[in-house]
Amino acid sequence: MTRILFVFLVFAAFACEKDNCDVDCDAALIPTAKFQYSKFRCDNGIFQCVQFQNVSENINGGTKYNWTFGDGEGSNEENPNHSYQHNGEFNVVLKVTNCNGTASFYTEIIDISTN
């Protein structure tokens, strides 16, 4: 009796792009998005500017950042500055995505005024 053995090899597809992340992307920890900010008068003396500082945890070389400033503007920088052209409260959202595609969000309402 002849037996035929079929062997199937399954390769897992990972979201890690080796050019954009650490060598051990599969072992990347779950990121925790968080930011701090400081307000200052813009150079033009009219608008209120904000320096956002990313203080997220468990990030690596392939981490991507997506900021939404609550006024229709955004950024992909790690630590952006932003100029608000109107007073008010703005819901700022930071989305942090590590090299294997795991994302975390942090949101905070900031008050912008001319005072």
PDB file of N, CA and C in Angstrom:
ATOM      1  N   MET A   1       0.840  -1.153   0.000  1.00  0.00           N
ATOM      2  CA  MET A   1       0.000   0.000   0.000  1.00  0.00           C
ATOM      3  C   MET A   1       0.897   1.231   0.000  1.00  0.00           C
ATOM      4  N   THR A   2       0.613   2.124  -0.890  1.00  0.00           N
ATOM      5  CA  THR A   2       1.396   3.348  -0.997  1.00  0.00           C
ATOM      6  C   THR A   2       0.670   4.458  -0.257  1.00  0.00           C
ATOM      7  N   ARG A   3       1.415   5.154   0.570  1.00  0.00           N
ATOM      8  CA  ARG A   3       0.836   6.291   1.291  1.00  0.00           C
ATOM      9  C   ARG A   3       1.385   7.581   0.703  1.00  0.00           C
ATOM     10  N   ILE A   4       0.500   8.484   0.533  1.00  0.00           N
ATOM     11  CA  ILE A   4       0.897   9.798   0.044  1.00  0.00           C
ATOM     12  C   ILE A   4       0.722  10.775   1.200  1.00  0.00           C
ATOM     13  N   LEU A   5       1.764  11.467   1.498  1.00  0.00           N
ATOM     14  CA  LEU A   5       1.741  12.424   2.599  1.00  0.00           C
ATOM     15  C   LEU A   5       1.837  13.829   2.008  1.00  0.00           C
ATOM     16  N   PHE A   6       0.851  14.596   2.307  1.00  0.00           N
ATOM     17  CA  PHE A   6       0.871  15.984   1.875  1.00  0.00           C
ATOM     18  C   PHE A   6       1.304  16.854   3.042  1.00  0.00           C
ATOM     19  N   VAL A   7       2.233  17.700   2.784  1.00  0.00           N
ATOM     20  CA  VAL A   7       2.705  18.623   3.809  1.00  0.00           C
ATOM     21  C   VAL A   7       2.354  20.032   3.366  1.00  0.00           C
ATOM     22  N   PHE A   8       1.645  20.725   4.224  1.00  0.00           N
ATOM     23  CA  PHE A   8       1.288  22.109   3.941  1.00  0.00           C
ATOM     24  C   PHE A   8       2.091  23.010   4.860  1.00  0.00           C
ATOM     25  N   LEU A   9       2.729  23.961   4.282  1.00  0.00           N
ATOM     26  CA  LEU A   9       3.456  24.946   5.064  1.00  0.00           C
ATOM     27  C   LEU A   9       2.636  26.225   5.086  1.00  0.00           C
ATOM     28  N   VAL A  10       2.430  26.723   6.265  1.00  0.00           N
ATOM     29  CA  VAL A  10       1.666  27.950   6.417  1.00  0.00           C
ATOM     30  C   VAL A  10       2.616  29.031   6.903  1.00  0.00           C
ATOM     31  N   PHE A  11       2.652  30.113   6.184  1.00  0.00           N
ATOM     32  CA  PHE A  11       3.480  31.247   6.567  1.00  0.00           C
ATOM     33  C   PHE A  11       2.562  32.356   7.055  1.00  0.00           C
ATOM     34  N   ALA A  12       2.835  32.833   8.258  1.00  0.00           N
ATOM     35  CA  ALA A  12       2.035  33.928   8.810  1.00  0.00           C
ATOM     36  C   ALA A  12       2.493  35.242   8.206  1.00  0.00           C
ATOM     37  N   ALA A  13       1.546  36.049   7.868  1.00  0.00           N
ATOM     38  CA  ALA A  13       1.868  37.377   7.327  1.00  0.00           C
ATOM     39  C   ALA A  13       1.800  38.373   8.470  1.00  0.00           C
ATOM     40  N   PHE A  14       2.900  39.022   8.724  1.00  0.00           N
ATOM     41  CA  PHE A  14       2.960  40.021   9.786  1.00  0.00           C
ATOM     42  C   PHE A  14       2.947  41.409   9.175  1.00  0.00           C
ATOM     43  N   ALA A  15       2.405  42.367   9.916  1.00  0.00           N
ATOM     44  CA  ALA A  15       2.322  43.749   9.438  1.00  0.00           C
ATOM     45  C   ALA A  15       3.663  44.464   9.541  1.00  0.00           C
ATOM     46  N   CYS A  16       4.634  43.821  10.090  1.00  0.00           N
ATOM     47  CA  CYS A  16       5.938  44.454  10.289  1.00  0.00           C
ATOM     48  C   CYS A  16       6.655  44.638   8.960  1.00  0.00           C
ATOM     49  N   GLU A  17       7.028  45.853   8.695  1.00  0.00           N
ATOM     50  CA  GLU A  17       7.855  46.155   7.535  1.00  0.00           C
ATOM     51  C   GLU A  17       9.260  46.351   8.062  1.00  0.00           C
ATOM     52  N   LYS A  18      10.147  45.446   7.760  1.00  0.00           N
ATOM     53  CA  LYS A  18      11.482  45.431   8.365  1.00  0.00           C
ATOM     54  C   LYS A  18      12.263  46.727   8.167  1.00  0.00           C
ATOM     55  N   ASP A  19      11.928  47.501   7.128  1.00  0.00           N
ATOM     56  CA  ASP A  19      12.614  48.769   6.923  1.00  0.00           C
ATOM     57  C   ASP A  19      12.137  49.842   7.899  1.00  0.00           C
ATOM     58  N   ASN A  20      10.964  49.626   8.509  1.00  0.00           N
ATOM     59  CA  ASN A  20      10.359  50.667   9.328  1.00  0.00           C
ATOM     60  C   ASN A  20      10.277  50.338  10.807  1.00  0.00           C
ATOM     61  N   CYS A  21      10.868  49.241  11.248  1.00  0.00           N
ATOM     62  CA  CYS A  21      10.705  48.909  12.653  1.00  0.00           C
ATOM     63  C   CYS A  21      11.907  48.148  13.184  1.00  0.00           C
ATOM     64  N   ASP A  22      11.858  47.916  14.471  1.00  0.00           N
ATOM     65  CA  ASP A  22      12.931  47.197  15.141  1.00  0.00           C
ATOM     66  C   ASP A  22      13.058  45.783  14.580  1.00  0.00           C
ATOM     67  N   VAL A  23      14.208  45.185  14.813  1.00  0.00           N
ATOM     68  CA  VAL A  23      14.474  43.843  14.301  1.00  0.00           C
ATOM     69  C   VAL A  23      13.452  42.846  14.817  1.00  0.00           C
ATOM     70  N   ASP A  24      13.064  42.951  16.086  1.00  0.00           N
ATOM     71  CA  ASP A  24      12.136  41.993  16.675  1.00  0.00           C
ATOM     72  C   ASP A  24      10.738  42.591  16.775  1.00  0.00           C
ATOM     73  N   CYS A  25      10.149  42.864  15.643  1.00  0.00           N
ATOM     74  CA  CYS A  25       8.833  43.490  15.585  1.00  0.00           C
ATOM     75  C   CYS A  25       7.763  42.624  16.246  1.00  0.00           C
ATOM     76  N   ASP A  26       7.860  41.335  16.091  1.00  0.00           N
ATOM     77  CA  ASP A  26       6.835  40.444  16.626  1.00  0.00           C
ATOM     78  C   ASP A  26       6.763  40.487  18.145  1.00  0.00           C
ATOM     79  N   ALA A  27       7.840  40.905  18.799  1.00  0.00           N
ATOM     80  CA  ALA A  27       7.858  40.973  20.257  1.00  0.00           C
ATOM     81  C   ALA A  27       7.516  42.373  20.771  1.00  0.00           C
ATOM     82  N   ALA A  28       7.097  43.279  19.889  1.00  0.00           N
ATOM     83  CA  ALA A  28       6.779  44.647  20.290  1.00  0.00           C
ATOM     84  C   ALA A  28       5.645  44.643  21.308  1.00  0.00           C
ATOM     85  N   LEU A  29       5.804  45.453  22.344  1.00  0.00           N
ATOM     86  CA  LEU A  29       4.785  45.574  23.382  1.00  0.00           C
ATOM     87  C   LEU A  29       3.634  46.449  22.898  1.00  0.00           C
ATOM     88  N   ILE A  30       2.510  46.336  23.568  1.00  0.00           N
ATOM     89  CA  ILE A  30       1.351  47.157  23.236  1.00  0.00           C
ATOM     90  C   ILE A  30       1.657  48.600  23.631  1.00  0.00           C
ATOM     91  N   PRO A  31       1.558  49.546  22.695  1.00  0.00           N
ATOM     92  CA  PRO A  31       1.869  50.933  23.029  1.00  0.00           C
ATOM     93  C   PRO A  31       0.803  51.557  23.918  1.00  0.00           C
ATOM     94  N   THR A  32       1.203  52.551  24.692  1.00  0.00           N
ATOM     95  CA  THR A  32       0.286  53.337  25.502  1.00  0.00           C
ATOM     96  C   THR A  32       0.466  54.795  25.101  1.00  0.00           C
ATOM     97  N   ALA A  33      -0.485  55.339  24.366  1.00  0.00           N
ATOM     98  CA  ALA A  33      -0.403  56.713  23.877  1.00  0.00           C
ATOM     99  C   ALA A  33      -0.629  57.698  25.023  1.00  0.00           C
ATOM    100  N   LYS A  34       0.150  58.779  25.012  1.00  0.00           N
ATOM    101  CA  LYS A  34      -0.003  59.849  25.997  1.00  0.00           C
ATOM    102  C   LYS A  34       0.802  61.043  25.517  1.00  0.00           C
ATOM    103  N   PHE A  35       0.326  62.243  25.843  1.00  0.00           N
ATOM    104  CA  PHE A  35       1.087  63.439  25.507  1.00  0.00           C
ATOM    105  C   PHE A  35       0.950  64.481  26.600  1.00  0.00           C
ATOM    106  N   GLN A  36       1.884  65.415  26.582  1.00  0.00           N
ATOM    107  CA  GLN A  36       1.850  66.612  27.409  1.00  0.00           C
ATOM    108  C   GLN A  36       1.910  67.784  26.458  1.00  0.00           C
ATOM    109  N   TYR A  37       1.558  68.974  26.940  1.00  0.00           N
ATOM    110  CA  TYR A  37       1.617  70.130  26.056  1.00  0.00           C
ATOM    111  C   TYR A  37       1.901  71.398  26.853  1.00  0.00           C
ATOM    112  N   SER A  38       2.410  72.384  26.137  1.00  0.00           N
ATOM    113  CA  SER A  38       2.604  73.707  26.725  1.00  0.00           C
ATOM    114  C   SER A  38       2.170  74.738  25.694  1.00  0.00           C
ATOM    115  N   LYS A  39       1.478  75.784  26.173  1.00  0.00           N
ATOM    116  CA  LYS A  39       0.971  76.835  25.295  1.00  0.00           C
ATOM    117  C   LYS A  39       1.922  78.021  25.333  1.00  0.00           C
ATOM    118  N   PHE A  40       2.014  78.719  24.196  1.00  0.00           N
ATOM    119  CA  PHE A  40       2.805  79.938  24.120  1.00  0.00           C
ATOM    120  C   PHE A  40       2.270  80.811  22.992  1.00  0.00           C
ATOM    121  N   ARG A  41       2.581  82.088  23.056  1.00  0.00           N
ATOM    122  CA  ARG A  41       2.141  83.014  22.011  1.00  0.00           C
ATOM    123  C   ARG A  41       2.976  82.760  20.765  1.00  0.00           C
ATOM    124  N   CYS A  42       2.331  82.628  19.623  1.00  0.00           N
ATOM    125  CA  CYS A  42       3.038  82.402  18.366  1.00  0.00           C
ATOM    126  C   CYS A  42       3.909  83.608  18.019  1.00  0.00           C
ATOM    127  N   ASP A  43       4.848  83.403  17.131  1.00  0.00           N
ATOM    128  CA  ASP A  43       5.753  84.471  16.705  1.00  0.00           C
ATOM    129  C   ASP A  43       5.020  85.693  16.169  1.00  0.00           C
ATOM    130  N   ASN A  44       3.862  85.481  15.546  1.00  0.00           N
ATOM    131  CA  ASN A  44       3.125  86.617  14.989  1.00  0.00           C
ATOM    132  C   ASN A  44       2.405  87.424  16.066  1.00  0.00           C
ATOM    133  N   GLY A  45       2.417  86.935  17.317  1.00  0.00           N
ATOM    134  CA  GLY A  45       1.795  87.647  18.422  1.00  0.00           C
ATOM    135  C   GLY A  45       0.286  87.603  18.436  1.00  0.00           C
ATOM    136  N   ILE A  46      -0.308  86.920  17.478  1.00  0.00           N
ATOM    137  CA  ILE A  46      -1.771  86.889  17.374  1.00  0.00           C
ATOM    138  C   ILE A  46      -2.329  85.550  17.841  1.00  0.00           C
ATOM    139  N   PHE A  47      -1.827  84.484  17.269  1.00  0.00           N
ATOM    140  CA  PHE A  47      -2.396  83.174  17.531  1.00  0.00           C
ATOM    141  C   PHE A  47      -1.747  82.505  18.739  1.00  0.00           C
ATOM    142  N   GLN A  48      -2.449  81.532  19.281  1.00  0.00           N
ATOM    143  CA  GLN A  48      -1.934  80.729  20.386  1.00  0.00           C
ATOM    144  C   GLN A  48      -1.298  79.468  19.808  1.00  0.00           C
ATOM    145  N   CYS A  49      -0.054  79.208  20.162  1.00  0.00           N
ATOM    146  CA  CYS A  49       0.642  78.011  19.704  1.00  0.00           C
ATOM    147  C   CYS A  49       0.758  77.003  20.841  1.00  0.00           C
ATOM    148  N   VAL A  50       0.852  75.754  20.464  1.00  0.00           N
ATOM    149  CA  VAL A  50       0.983  74.674  21.433  1.00  0.00           C
ATOM    150  C   VAL A  50       2.109  73.754  20.989  1.00  0.00           C
ATOM    151  N   GLN A  51       3.001  73.444  21.906  1.00  0.00           N
ATOM    152  CA  GLN A  51       4.046  72.435  21.681  1.00  0.00           C
ATOM    153  C   GLN A  51       3.548  71.149  22.319  1.00  0.00           C
ATOM    154  N   PHE A  52       3.343  70.121  21.504  1.00  0.00           N
ATOM    155  CA  PHE A  52       2.910  68.819  22.006  1.00  0.00           C
ATOM    156  C   PHE A  52       4.136  67.936  22.165  1.00  0.00           C
ATOM    157  N   GLN A  53       4.222  67.278  23.318  1.00  0.00           N
ATOM    158  CA  GLN A  53       5.332  66.362  23.576  1.00  0.00           C
ATOM    159  C   GLN A  53       4.767  64.962  23.761  1.00  0.00           C
ATOM    160  N   ASN A  54       5.173  64.072  22.893  1.00  0.00           N
ATOM    161  CA  ASN A  54       4.766  62.680  22.976  1.00  0.00           C
ATOM    162  C   ASN A  54       5.479  62.027  24.163  1.00  0.00           C
ATOM    163  N   VAL A  55       4.733  61.472  25.092  1.00  0.00           N
ATOM    164  CA  VAL A  55       5.311  60.739  26.222  1.00  0.00           C
ATOM    165  C   VAL A  55       4.726  59.322  26.270  1.00  0.00           C
ATOM    166  N   SER A  56       4.419  58.792  25.095  1.00  0.00           N
ATOM    167  CA  SER A  56       3.856  57.450  24.989  1.00  0.00           C
ATOM    168  C   SER A  56       4.862  56.413  25.475  1.00  0.00           C
ATOM    169  N   GLU A  57       4.351  55.289  25.936  1.00  0.00           N
ATOM    170  CA  GLU A  57       5.188  54.196  26.430  1.00  0.00           C
ATOM    171  C   GLU A  57       5.100  52.999  25.488  1.00  0.00           C
ATOM    172  N   ASN A  58       6.116  52.154  25.559  1.00  0.00           N
ATOM    173  CA  ASN A  58       6.206  50.926  24.756  1.00  0.00           C
ATOM    174  C   ASN A  58       6.200  51.229  23.261  1.00  0.00           C
ATOM    175  N   ILE A  59       6.970  52.234  22.867  1.00  0.00           N
ATOM    176  CA  ILE A  59       7.109  52.559  21.456  1.00  0.00           C
ATOM    177  C   ILE A  59       8.453  52.046  20.960  1.00  0.00           C
ATOM    178  N   ASN A  60       8.582  51.903  19.643  1.00  0.00           N
ATOM    179  CA  ASN A  60       9.831  51.409  19.066  1.00  0.00           C
ATOM    180  C   ASN A  60      10.146  52.184  17.801  1.00  0.00           C
ATOM    181  N   GLY A  61      11.180  51.784  17.120  1.00  0.00           N
ATOM    182  CA  GLY A  61      11.638  52.508  15.940  1.00  0.00           C
ATOM    183  C   GLY A  61      10.632  52.583  14.814  1.00  0.00           C
ATOM    184  N   GLY A  62       9.683  51.688  14.768  1.00  0.00           N
ATOM    185  CA  GLY A  62       8.694  51.700  13.690  1.00  0.00           C
ATOM    186  C   GLY A  62       7.382  52.342  14.069  1.00  0.00           C
ATOM    187  N   THR A  63       7.336  53.023  15.202  1.00  0.00           N
ATOM    188  CA  THR A  63       6.097  53.620  15.681  1.00  0.00           C
ATOM    189  C   THR A  63       5.664  54.772  14.778  1.00  0.00           C
ATOM    190  N   LYS A  64       4.370  54.827  14.498  1.00  0.00           N
ATOM    191  CA  LYS A  64       3.788  55.909  13.707  1.00  0.00           C
ATOM    192  C   LYS A  64       2.863  56.723  14.599  1.00  0.00           C
ATOM    193  N   TYR A  65       2.836  58.031  14.337  1.00  0.00           N
ATOM    194  CA  TYR A  65       2.043  58.949  15.141  1.00  0.00           C
ATOM    195  C   TYR A  65       1.022  59.636  14.254  1.00  0.00           C
ATOM    196  N   ASN A  66      -0.191  59.778  14.762  1.00  0.00           N
ATOM    197  CA  ASN A  66      -1.227  60.498  14.046  1.00  0.00           C
ATOM    198  C   ASN A  66      -1.929  61.403  15.050  1.00  0.00           C
ATOM    199  N   TRP A  67      -1.730  62.714  14.882  1.00  0.00           N
ATOM    200  CA  TRP A  67      -2.330  63.722  15.754  1.00  0.00           C
ATOM    201  C   TRP A  67      -3.530  64.352  15.062  1.00  0.00           C
ATOM    202  N   THR A  68      -4.593  64.579  15.820  1.00  0.00           N
ATOM    203  CA  THR A  68      -5.730  65.363  15.385  1.00  0.00           C
ATOM    204  C   THR A  68      -5.879  66.474  16.418  1.00  0.00           C
ATOM    205  N   PHE A  69      -5.792  67.731  15.972  1.00  0.00           N
ATOM    206  CA  PHE A  69      -5.751  68.869  16.896  1.00  0.00           C
ATOM    207  C   PHE A  69      -7.113  69.439  17.255  1.00  0.00           C
ATOM    208  N   GLY A  70      -8.181  68.896  16.703  1.00  0.00           N
ATOM    209  CA  GLY A  70      -9.520  69.327  17.077  1.00  0.00           C
ATOM    210  C   GLY A  70     -10.038  70.524  16.308  1.00  0.00           C
ATOM    211  N   ASP A  71      -9.220  71.062  15.401  1.00  0.00           N
ATOM    212  CA  ASP A  71      -9.636  72.210  14.596  1.00  0.00           C
ATOM    213  C   ASP A  71      -9.583  71.896  13.104  1.00  0.00           C
ATOM    214  N   GLY A  72      -9.581  70.617  12.774  1.00  0.00           N
ATOM    215  CA  GLY A  72      -9.513  70.201  11.379  1.00  0.00           C
ATOM    216  C   GLY A  72      -8.104  69.966  10.872  1.00  0.00           C
ATOM    217  N   GLU A  73      -7.110  70.245  11.696  1.00  0.00           N
ATOM    218  CA  GLU A  73      -5.705  70.064  11.318  1.00  0.00           C
ATOM    219  C   GLU A  73      -5.143  68.828  12.020  1.00  0.00           C
ATOM    220  N   GLY A  74      -4.007  68.338  11.521  1.00  0.00           N
ATOM    221  CA  GLY A  74      -3.362  67.181  12.117  1.00  0.00           C
ATOM    222  C   GLY A  74      -1.896  67.128  11.764  1.00  0.00           C
ATOM    223  N   SER A  75      -1.212  66.106  12.260  1.00  0.00           N
ATOM    224  CA  SER A  75       0.216  65.946  12.009  1.00  0.00           C
ATOM    225  C   SER A  75       0.596  64.484  12.187  1.00  0.00           C
ATOM    226  N   ASN A  76       1.693  64.089  11.529  1.00  0.00           N
ATOM    227  CA  ASN A  76       2.275  62.764  11.716  1.00  0.00           C
ATOM    228  C   ASN A  76       3.631  62.850  12.412  1.00  0.00           C
ATOM    229  N   GLU A  77       3.988  64.036  12.903  1.00  0.00           N
ATOM    230  CA  GLU A  77       5.255  64.208  13.610  1.00  0.00           C
ATOM    231  C   GLU A  77       5.178  63.595  15.007  1.00  0.00           C
ATOM    232  N   GLU A  78       6.326  63.271  15.558  1.00  0.00           N
ATOM    233  CA  GLU A  78       6.363  62.708  16.909  1.00  0.00           C
ATOM    234  C   GLU A  78       6.040  63.772  17.962  1.00  0.00           C
ATOM    235  N   ASN A  79       6.581  64.973  17.805  1.00  0.00           N
ATOM    236  CA  ASN A  79       6.402  66.069  18.763  1.00  0.00           C
ATOM    237  C   ASN A  79       6.087  67.363  18.009  1.00  0.00           C
ATOM    238  N   PRO A  80       4.854  67.521  17.557  1.00  0.00           N
ATOM    239  CA  PRO A  80       4.539  68.680  16.716  1.00  0.00           C
ATOM    240  C   PRO A  80       4.241  69.959  17.496  1.00  0.00           C
ATOM    241  N   ASN A  81       4.376  71.085  16.812  1.00  0.00           N
ATOM    242  CA  ASN A  81       3.840  72.371  17.244  1.00  0.00           C
ATOM    243  C   ASN A  81       2.579  72.603  16.436  1.00  0.00           C
ATOM    244  N   HIS A  82       1.619  73.316  17.034  1.00  0.00           N
ATOM    245  CA  HIS A  82       0.414  73.650  16.281  1.00  0.00           C
ATOM    246  C   HIS A  82      -0.056  75.042  16.655  1.00  0.00           C
ATOM    247  N   SER A  83      -0.511  75.791  15.659  1.00  0.00           N
ATOM    248  CA  SER A  83      -1.023  77.141  15.833  1.00  0.00           C
ATOM    249  C   SER A  83      -2.540  77.126  15.748  1.00  0.00           C
ATOM    250  N   TYR A  84      -3.202  77.512  16.846  1.00  0.00           N
ATOM    251  CA  TYR A  84      -4.666  77.624  16.851  1.00  0.00           C
ATOM    252  C   TYR A  84      -5.038  79.045  16.473  1.00  0.00           C
ATOM    253  N   GLN A  85      -5.958  79.191  15.514  1.00  0.00           N
ATOM    254  CA  GLN A  85      -6.323  80.505  15.019  1.00  0.00           C
ATOM    255  C   GLN A  85      -7.601  81.045  15.651  1.00  0.00           C
ATOM    256  N   HIS A  86      -8.218  80.245  16.524  1.00  0.00           N
ATOM    257  CA  HIS A  86      -9.442  80.665  17.203  1.00  0.00           C
ATOM    258  C   HIS A  86      -9.384  80.212  18.654  1.00  0.00           C
ATOM    259  N   ASN A  87     -10.050  80.961  19.508  1.00  0.00           N
ATOM    260  CA  ASN A  87     -10.179  80.558  20.903  1.00  0.00           C
ATOM    261  C   ASN A  87     -11.207  79.436  21.014  1.00  0.00           C
ATOM    262  N   GLY A  88     -11.111  78.665  22.074  1.00  0.00           N
ATOM    263  CA  GLY A  88     -12.096  77.631  22.327  1.00  0.00           C
ATOM    264  C   GLY A  88     -11.472  76.401  22.951  1.00  0.00           C
ATOM    265  N   GLU A  89     -12.302  75.397  23.114  1.00  0.00           N
ATOM    266  CA  GLU A  89     -11.841  74.110  23.615  1.00  0.00           C
ATOM    267  C   GLU A  89     -11.695  73.168  22.421  1.00  0.00           C
ATOM    268  N   PHE A  90     -10.581  72.452  22.400  1.00  0.00           N
ATOM    269  CA  PHE A  90     -10.274  71.577  21.278  1.00  0.00           C
ATOM    270  C   PHE A  90      -9.944  70.180  21.801  1.00  0.00           C
ATOM    271  N   ASN A  91     -10.566  69.180  21.186  1.00  0.00           N
ATOM    272  CA  ASN A  91     -10.330  67.788  21.557  1.00  0.00           C
ATOM    273  C   ASN A  91      -9.128  67.271  20.755  1.00  0.00           C
ATOM    274  N   VAL A  92      -7.988  67.123  21.420  1.00  0.00           N
ATOM    275  CA  VAL A  92      -6.765  66.666  20.767  1.00  0.00           C
ATOM    276  C   VAL A  92      -6.657  65.156  20.936  1.00  0.00           C
ATOM    277  N   VAL A  93      -6.391  64.453  19.840  1.00  0.00           N
ATOM    278  CA  VAL A  93      -6.276  62.994  19.869  1.00  0.00           C
ATOM    279  C   VAL A  93      -4.915  62.595  19.307  1.00  0.00           C
ATOM    280  N   LEU A  94      -4.223  61.720  20.028  1.00  0.00           N
ATOM    281  CA  LEU A  94      -2.983  61.111  19.553  1.00  0.00           C
ATOM    282  C   LEU A  94      -3.222  59.625  19.366  1.00  0.00           C
ATOM    283  N   LYS A  95      -2.966  59.156  18.158  1.00  0.00           N
ATOM    284  CA  LYS A  95      -3.011  57.719  17.861  1.00  0.00           C
ATOM    285  C   LYS A  95      -1.574  57.264  17.637  1.00  0.00           C
ATOM    286  N   VAL A  96      -1.160  56.263  18.394  1.00  0.00           N
ATOM    287  CA  VAL A  96       0.180  55.694  18.287  1.00  0.00           C
ATOM    288  C   VAL A  96       0.029  54.267  17.795  1.00  0.00           C
ATOM    289  N   THR A  97       0.744  53.929  16.711  1.00  0.00           N
ATOM    290  CA  THR A  97       0.673  52.581  16.148  1.00  0.00           C
ATOM    291  C   THR A  97       2.078  52.017  16.071  1.00  0.00           C
ATOM    292  N   ASN A  98       2.306  50.852  16.707  1.00  0.00           N
ATOM    293  CA  ASN A  98       3.650  50.269  16.663  1.00  0.00           C
ATOM    294  C   ASN A  98       3.852  49.497  15.366  1.00  0.00           C
ATOM    295  N   CYS A  99       5.035  48.937  15.188  1.00  0.00           N
ATOM    296  CA  CYS A  99       5.406  48.337  13.902  1.00  0.00           C
ATOM    297  C   CYS A  99       4.605  47.088  13.554  1.00  0.00           C
ATOM    298  N   ASN A 100       3.949  46.458  14.528  1.00  0.00           N
ATOM    299  CA  ASN A 100       3.143  45.297  14.155  1.00  0.00           C
ATOM    300  C   ASN A 100       1.663  45.635  14.018  1.00  0.00           C
ATOM    301  N   GLY A 101       1.344  46.951  14.014  1.00  0.00           N
ATOM    302  CA  GLY A 101      -0.017  47.383  13.743  1.00  0.00           C
ATOM    303  C   GLY A 101      -0.906  47.589  14.948  1.00  0.00           C
ATOM    304  N   THR A 102      -0.384  47.398  16.164  1.00  0.00           N
ATOM    305  CA  THR A 102      -1.177  47.593  17.364  1.00  0.00           C
ATOM    306  C   THR A 102      -1.236  49.083  17.688  1.00  0.00           C
ATOM    307  N   ALA A 103      -2.453  49.603  17.920  1.00  0.00           N
ATOM    308  CA  ALA A 103      -2.644  51.041  18.126  1.00  0.00           C
ATOM    309  C   ALA A 103      -3.197  51.340  19.516  1.00  0.00           C
ATOM    310  N   SER A 104      -2.914  52.559  19.956  1.00  0.00           N
ATOM    311  CA  SER A 104      -3.440  53.079  21.217  1.00  0.00           C
ATOM    312  C   SER A 104      -3.827  54.532  20.973  1.00  0.00           C
ATOM    313  N   PHE A 105      -4.857  55.001  21.671  1.00  0.00           N
ATOM    314  CA  PHE A 105      -5.338  56.371  21.525  1.00  0.00           C
ATOM    315  C   PHE A 105      -5.278  57.083  22.876  1.00  0.00           C
ATOM    316  N   TYR A 106      -4.996  58.391  22.816  1.00  0.00           N
ATOM    317  CA  TYR A 106      -5.088  59.241  24.005  1.00  0.00           C
ATOM    318  C   TYR A 106      -5.757  60.528  23.565  1.00  0.00           C
ATOM    319  N   THR A 107      -6.717  61.007  24.343  1.00  0.00           N
ATOM    320  CA  THR A 107      -7.422  62.236  23.995  1.00  0.00           C
ATOM    321  C   THR A 107      -7.491  63.149  25.202  1.00  0.00           C
ATOM    322  N   GLU A 108      -7.397  64.443  24.933  1.00  0.00           N
ATOM    323  CA  GLU A 108      -7.495  65.435  26.002  1.00  0.00           C
ATOM    324  C   GLU A 108      -8.076  66.716  25.404  1.00  0.00           C
ATOM    325  N   ILE A 109      -8.940  67.364  26.150  1.00  0.00           N
ATOM    326  CA  ILE A 109      -9.504  68.636  25.724  1.00  0.00           C
ATOM    327  C   ILE A 109      -8.604  69.752  26.250  1.00  0.00           C
ATOM    328  N   ILE A 110      -8.154  70.622  25.335  1.00  0.00           N
ATOM    329  CA  ILE A 110      -7.314  71.736  25.748  1.00  0.00           C
ATOM    330  C   ILE A 110      -8.067  73.039  25.498  1.00  0.00           C
ATOM    331  N   ASP A 111      -7.853  74.013  26.378  1.00  0.00           N
ATOM    332  CA  ASP A 111      -8.506  75.312  26.290  1.00  0.00           C
ATOM    333  C   ASP A 111      -7.545  76.321  25.713  1.00  0.00           C
ATOM    334  N   ILE A 112      -7.938  76.933  24.603  1.00  0.00           N
ATOM    335  CA  ILE A 112      -7.128  77.944  23.949  1.00  0.00           C
ATOM    336  C   ILE A 112      -7.813  79.283  24.117  1.00  0.00           C
ATOM    337  N   SER A 113      -7.091  80.240  24.673  1.00  0.00           N
ATOM    338  CA  SER A 113      -7.648  81.579  24.830  1.00  0.00           C
ATOM    339  C   SER A 113      -6.539  82.599  24.620  1.00  0.00           C
ATOM    340  N   THR A 114      -6.920  83.852  24.444  1.00  0.00           N
ATOM    341  CA  THR A 114      -5.940  84.911  24.235  1.00  0.00           C
ATOM    342  C   THR A 114      -5.328  85.388  25.534  1.00  0.00           C
ATOM    343  N   ASN A 115      -5.834  84.934  26.658  1.00  0.00           N
ATOM    344  CA  ASN A 115      -5.310  85.377  27.976  1.00  0.00           C
ATOM    345  C   ASN A 115      -3.974  84.767  28.266  1.00  0.00           C
TER     346      ASN A 115
END
